[in-house]
C-alpha atoms as a PDB file:
ATOM      1  CA  MET A   1     102.518 119.493 136.222  1.00  0.00           C
ATOM      2  CA  ALA A   2     102.117 122.519 138.453  1.00  0.00           C
ATOM      3  CA  ASN A   3     101.256 122.260 142.114  1.00  0.00           C
ATOM      4  CA  ALA A   4      98.374 124.279 143.613  1.00  0.00           C
ATOM      5  CA  ARG A   5     100.604 125.129 146.585  1.00  0.00           C
ATOM      6  CA  GLY A   6     103.387 126.418 144.345  1.00  0.00           C
ATOM      7  CA  SER A   7     104.458 129.811 143.183  1.00  0.00           C
ATOM      8  CA  GLY A   8     102.496 132.452 141.343  1.00  0.00           C
ATOM      9  CA  ARG A   9     104.160 131.237 138.160  1.00  0.00           C
ATOM     10  CA  ASP A  10     102.754 127.745 138.762  1.00  0.00           C
ATOM     11  CA  MET A  11      99.289 129.207 139.238  1.00  0.00           C
ATOM     12  CA  ARG A  12      99.553 131.201 136.029  1.00  0.00           C
ATOM     13  CA  GLU A  13     100.609 128.008 134.246  1.00  0.00           C
ATOM     14  CA  MET A  14      97.598 126.156 135.683  1.00  0.00           C
ATOM     15  CA  ILE A  15      95.233 128.923 134.575  1.00  0.00           C
ATOM     16  CA  ALA A  16      96.796 128.883 131.100  1.00  0.00           C
ATOM     17  CA  ARG A  17      96.365 125.112 130.944  1.00  0.00           C
ATOM     18  CA  LEU A  18      92.728 125.425 132.031  1.00  0.00           C
ATOM     19  CA  ASP A  19      92.220 128.098 129.361  1.00  0.00           C
ATOM     20  CA  ARG A  20      93.587 125.697 126.731  1.00  0.00           C
ATOM     21  CA  LEU A  21      91.333 122.898 127.991  1.00  0.00           C
ATOM     22  CA  GLU A  22      88.325 125.199 127.834  1.00  0.00           C
ATOM     23  CA  GLU A  23      89.246 126.272 124.310  1.00  0.00           C
ATOM     24  CA  GLN A  24      89.433 122.631 123.247  1.00  0.00           C
ATOM     25  CA  ALA A  25      86.117 121.858 124.937  1.00  0.00           C
ATOM     26  CA  ASN A  26      84.501 124.830 123.184  1.00  0.00           C
ATOM     27  CA  HIS A  27      85.419 123.345 119.805  1.00  0.00           C
ATOM     28  CA  LEU A  28      84.312 119.779 120.515  1.00  0.00           C
ATOM     29  CA  ARG A  29      81.410 118.450 118.490  1.00  0.00           C
ATOM     30  CA  VAL A  30      79.439 115.839 120.392  1.00  0.00           C
ATOM     31  CA  PRO A  31      76.125 114.078 119.819  1.00  0.00           C
ATOM     32  CA  VAL A  32      73.133 115.753 121.446  1.00  0.00           C
ATOM     33  CA  ALA A  33      73.002 112.928 123.991  1.00  0.00           C
ATOM     34  CA  TYR A  34      76.379 114.120 125.362  1.00  0.00           C
ATOM     35  CA  ALA A  35      75.768 117.872 125.200  1.00  0.00           C
ATOM     36  CA  ASN A  36      74.947 118.031 128.917  1.00  0.00           C
ATOM     37  CA  MET A  37      78.241 116.335 129.774  1.00  0.00           C
ATOM     38  CA  LEU A  38      80.157 118.849 127.646  1.00  0.00           C
ATOM     39  CA  TYR A  39      78.329 121.685 129.397  1.00  0.00           C
ATOM     40  CA  MET A  40      79.280 120.196 132.787  1.00  0.00           C
ATOM     41  CA  LEU A  41      82.907 119.842 131.655  1.00  0.00           C
ATOM     42  CA  ARG A  42      83.101 123.528 130.712  1.00  0.00           C
ATOM     43  CA  ASN A  43      81.489 124.495 134.026  1.00  0.00           C
ATOM     44  CA  HIS A  44      83.958 122.377 135.978  1.00  0.00           C
ATOM     45  CA  ILE A  45      86.909 123.888 134.122  1.00  0.00           C
ATOM     46  CA  ASP A  46      85.583 127.323 135.083  1.00  0.00           C
ATOM     47  CA  LEU A  47      85.091 126.271 138.724  1.00  0.00           C
ATOM     48  CA  VAL A  48      88.662 125.006 138.964  1.00  0.00           C
ATOM     49  CA  ARG A  49      90.004 128.188 137.325  1.00  0.00           C
ATOM     50  CA  GLU A  50      88.109 130.361 139.815  1.00  0.00           C
ATOM     51  CA  GLY A  51      89.381 128.219 142.695  1.00  0.00           C
ATOM     52  CA  VAL A  52      92.981 128.679 141.525  1.00  0.00           C
ATOM     53  CA  ARG A  53      92.463 132.439 141.202  1.00  0.00           C
ATOM     54  CA  LYS A  54      90.895 132.710 144.672  1.00  0.00           C
ATOM     55  CA  HIS A  55      93.735 130.694 146.147  1.00  0.00           C
ATOM     56  CA  ALA A  56      96.281 132.979 144.467  1.00  0.00           C
ATOM     57  CA  GLU A  57      94.469 136.088 145.725  1.00  0.00           C
ATOM     58  CA  SER A  58      94.326 134.769 149.286  1.00  0.00           C
ATOM     59  CA  ARG A  59      98.071 134.019 149.212  1.00  0.00           C
ATOM     60  CA  LEU A  60      98.765 137.551 148.002  1.00  0.00           C
ATOM     61  CA  ASN A  61      96.558 138.987 150.743  1.00  0.00           C
ATOM     62  CA  ASP A  62      98.312 136.824 153.361  1.00  0.00           C
ATOM     63  CA  ARG A  63     101.705 138.022 152.145  1.00  0.00           C
ATOM     64  CA  ALA A  64     100.619 141.656 152.211  1.00  0.00           C
ATOM     65  CA  ARG A  65      99.322 141.285 155.778  1.00  0.00           C
ATOM     66  CA  CYS A  66     102.520 139.575 156.864  1.00  0.00           C
ATOM     67  CA  GLU A  67     104.711 142.211 155.280  1.00  0.00           C
ATOM     68  CA  SER A  68     102.806 144.875 157.144  1.00  0.00           C
ATOM     69  CA  LEU A  69     103.459 142.964 160.386  1.00  0.00           C
ATOM     70  CA  GLY A  70     107.104 142.183 159.657  1.00  0.00           C
ATOM     71  CA  ASN A  71     109.187 139.154 158.703  1.00  0.00           C
ATOM     72  CA  GLY A  72     108.422 137.198 161.865  1.00  0.00           C
ATOM     73  CA  ALA A  73     104.728 136.911 161.009  1.00  0.00           C
ATOM     74  CA  ALA A  74     105.504 135.683 157.501  1.00  0.00           C
ATOM     75  CA  ALA A  75     107.716 132.946 158.878  1.00  0.00           C
ATOM     76  CA  LEU A  76     105.020 131.867 161.337  1.00  0.00           C
ATOM     77  CA  ILE A  77     102.351 131.273 158.715  1.00  0.00           C
ATOM     78  CA  GLY A  78     104.744 129.990 156.053  1.00  0.00           C
ATOM     79  CA  THR A  79     104.166 132.476 153.266  1.00  0.00           C
ATOM     80  CA  ARG A  80     107.840 133.106 152.611  1.00  0.00           C
END
């Protein structure tokens, strides 16, 4: 399984996996008594997906800032 601290490829794989989970959840048929739980599941999948995307964006922004400062800054904050 992919690691949240991994590469951009790992993050794309996690988002793809979350997309598949959401697709499966969208096709589930549950009794009315469990409808709220299914709704919460879909919301949580979306929250995790957004968290992964924000994390990826912040890493890209950190890299861009470091590249503008030079290689020494990238080594200091561990983005390379």
